[in-house]
Protein backbone atom coordinates (compact mmCIF):
# COMPACT_ATOMS: atom_id res chain seq x y z
CA MET A 1 34.30 -30.39 0.88
CA ARG A 2 33.24 -27.62 -1.47
CA HIS A 3 30.99 -30.03 -3.38
CA LEU A 4 29.35 -31.13 -0.14
CA ALA A 5 28.59 -27.53 0.84
CA MET A 6 27.17 -26.79 -2.61
CA SER A 7 25.03 -29.94 -2.41
CA VAL A 8 23.63 -28.86 0.96
CA VAL A 9 22.75 -25.41 -0.40
CA LEU A 10 21.08 -26.92 -3.46
CA ALA A 11 19.14 -29.42 -1.34
CA ALA A 12 17.92 -26.64 0.96
CA GLY A 13 16.83 -24.59 -2.04
CA LEU A 14 14.94 -27.51 -3.55
CA LEU A 15 13.26 -28.24 -0.21
CA TYR A 16 12.15 -24.58 0.00
CA LEU A 17 10.75 -24.67 -3.53
CA THR A 18 9.01 -27.98 -2.93
CA LEU A 19 7.36 -26.89 0.32
CA LEU A 20 6.56 -23.21 -0.18
CA ALA A 21 6.38 -22.57 -3.90
CA PRO A 22 2.80 -23.93 -4.13
CA VAL A 23 1.73 -21.44 -1.43
CA GLN A 24 3.40 -18.48 -3.07
CA ALA A 25 2.40 -19.09 -6.68
CA GLN A 26 -0.91 -20.76 -7.35
CA ASP A 27 -3.55 -20.28 -10.02
CA ALA A 28 -6.56 -20.34 -7.67
CA ALA A 29 -7.30 -18.94 -4.22
CA THR A 30 -6.21 -21.22 -1.37
CA THR A 31 -7.96 -21.29 2.00
CA PHE A 32 -6.47 -22.31 5.35
CA GLU A 33 -8.51 -23.10 8.49
CA GLY A 34 -7.50 -23.79 12.06
CA THR A 35 -7.76 -22.69 15.67
CA HIS A 36 -6.10 -20.31 18.09
CA GLU A 37 -5.21 -20.73 21.77
CA ALA A 38 -8.42 -19.12 23.07
CA GLY A 39 -10.35 -21.93 21.34
CA GLY A 40 -11.73 -19.94 18.41
CA THR A 41 -11.20 -20.31 14.70
CA VAL A 42 -8.74 -18.89 12.20
CA ARG A 43 -9.57 -18.81 8.49
CA PHE A 44 -7.63 -17.02 5.76
CA THR A 45 -7.39 -17.11 2.00
CA ILE A 46 -4.38 -16.53 -0.21
CA GLY A 47 -5.40 -14.89 -3.47
CA PRO A 48 -4.82 -16.34 -6.92
CA GLY A 49 -1.21 -15.87 -7.88
CA GLY A 50 -0.10 -16.03 -4.23
CA GLY A 51 1.82 -13.36 -2.39
CA GLN A 52 -1.00 -11.94 -0.26
CA ILE A 53 -3.76 -12.86 2.14
CA VAL A 54 -7.00 -11.53 0.64
CA ALA A 55 -9.49 -12.74 3.27
CA LEU A 56 -9.15 -13.31 7.01
CA GLU A 57 -11.61 -14.20 9.77
CA LEU A 58 -10.77 -14.75 13.43
CA GLU A 59 -13.50 -15.81 15.86
CA GLY A 60 -13.59 -16.40 19.59
CA LEU A 61 -10.92 -13.86 20.55
CA ALA A 62 -11.00 -12.88 24.22
CA GLY A 63 -8.64 -11.49 26.82
CA GLY A 64 -8.16 -8.85 29.46
CA GLY A 65 -11.87 -8.74 30.27
CA CYS A 66 -12.96 -8.15 26.67
CA SER A 67 -14.22 -10.37 23.90
CA TRP A 68 -14.53 -9.63 20.22
CA GLY A 69 -16.95 -10.79 17.56
CA THR A 70 -15.54 -11.84 14.22
CA VAL A 71 -12.35 -9.93 13.46
CA ASP A 72 -11.71 -9.82 9.73
CA LEU A 73 -9.21 -8.46 7.25
CA ALA A 74 -10.81 -4.99 7.37
CA ASN A 75 -9.27 -4.72 10.85
CA TRP A 76 -5.88 -4.46 9.12
CA GLY A 77 -7.16 -2.40 6.22
CA ASP A 78 -6.35 -4.43 3.14
CA ALA A 79 -4.61 -7.54 1.86
CA ILE A 80 -1.65 -8.71 3.93
CA PRO A 81 1.41 -9.43 1.79
CA PHE A 82 3.82 -12.24 2.54
CA ALA A 83 7.30 -12.98 1.32
CA ASP A 84 9.70 -15.83 1.93
CA GLY A 85 6.89 -17.77 3.62
CA THR A 86 6.16 -15.21 6.36
CA PHE A 87 3.71 -12.37 6.97
CA SER A 88 3.14 -9.71 9.61
CA ALA A 89 0.65 -6.86 9.95
CA THR A 90 -0.13 -4.36 12.70
CA ASN A 91 -2.91 -1.77 12.61
CA PRO A 92 -3.03 1.65 14.35
CA ASP A 93 -4.80 0.15 17.42
CA GLY A 94 -1.91 -2.26 17.89
CA ASP A 95 -3.78 -5.34 16.65
CA ALA A 96 -1.15 -7.67 15.24
CA ILE A 97 -1.09 -10.89 13.29
CA GLN A 98 1.94 -12.75 12.11
CA GLY A 99 2.58 -16.13 10.66
CA GLN A 100 4.74 -18.42 8.65
CA PHE A 101 4.02 -21.22 6.25
CA VAL A 102 5.52 -24.35 7.77
CA ASP A 103 5.06 -26.11 4.45
CA ALA A 104 2.68 -25.86 1.48
CA SER A 105 -0.26 -27.10 3.54
CA ARG A 106 0.27 -25.68 7.05
CA ALA A 107 0.77 -22.30 8.66
CA GLU A 108 1.23 -21.08 12.23
CA GLY A 109 1.69 -17.82 14.06
CA THR A 110 0.25 -15.45 16.66
CA VAL A 111 -2.55 -12.91 16.82
CA GLN A 112 -3.23 -10.20 19.38
CA VAL A 113 -6.10 -7.70 19.40
CA ARG A 114 -6.68 -4.62 21.57
CA ASP A 115 -9.52 -2.33 22.48
CA PRO A 116 -7.86 1.00 23.32
CA THR A 117 -11.18 2.50 24.45
CA LYS A 118 -11.80 -0.20 27.06
CA GLY A 119 -8.11 -0.70 27.82
CA CYS A 120 -8.05 -4.44 27.27
CA GLU A 121 -6.24 -6.83 24.97
CA THR A 122 -5.69 -10.48 24.33
CA PRO A 123 -2.33 -11.98 25.07
CA PRO A 124 -0.46 -13.08 21.94
CA LEU A 125 -2.50 -16.15 20.96
CA ARG A 126 -0.77 -18.92 19.03
CA TRP A 127 -2.67 -20.27 16.05
CA VAL A 128 -2.28 -23.12 13.58
CA ALA A 129 -4.08 -23.67 10.28
CA ALA A 130 -4.05 -26.19 7.46
CA ILE A 131 -5.06 -25.95 3.84
CA VAL A 132 -8.71 -26.74 3.10
CA HIS A 133 -9.06 -29.15 0.22
CA PRO A 134 -12.28 -28.82 -1.78
C-alpha cells in the first residue's frame, strides 16, 4: 500500500513538471491569446525565464454602463508574478485579474475592472487563452 501511495505522489509530481514546467522556465518570451466573456480579447506574455507576466492587453471590456479601451499591464503597475501555475493581481481601484495555467499551452481565469469615478464595473469575466506558436 505504501508503494502505491508513493507511486501516486511521484506520478502527480511528474505530471506537474510535464505540464507546467515549460510555462515556468523557458528561454524565450511566450505569448498567450484568447477571449473573455464580454467577447473581447486577452493577450499576455510571460517573460524569458518564466515566473512573471511582462505584457498584458485586454480589449472589449464593458459592464455596468461603462466600457474601456485597451487595458494593459500598466493598469496593475508592473509585471505580475506567478507561482505554482497561478497568478493574481489587484490594483488600488479594485481592478483584478487572476488565472491559472491549465497546462503548458493553456490558461484560464477571470478579470474585473472598475471606474470608481463613474461608479461602474464589469462583472468578473471569465477568460481563456492558449499559447501562440510562431
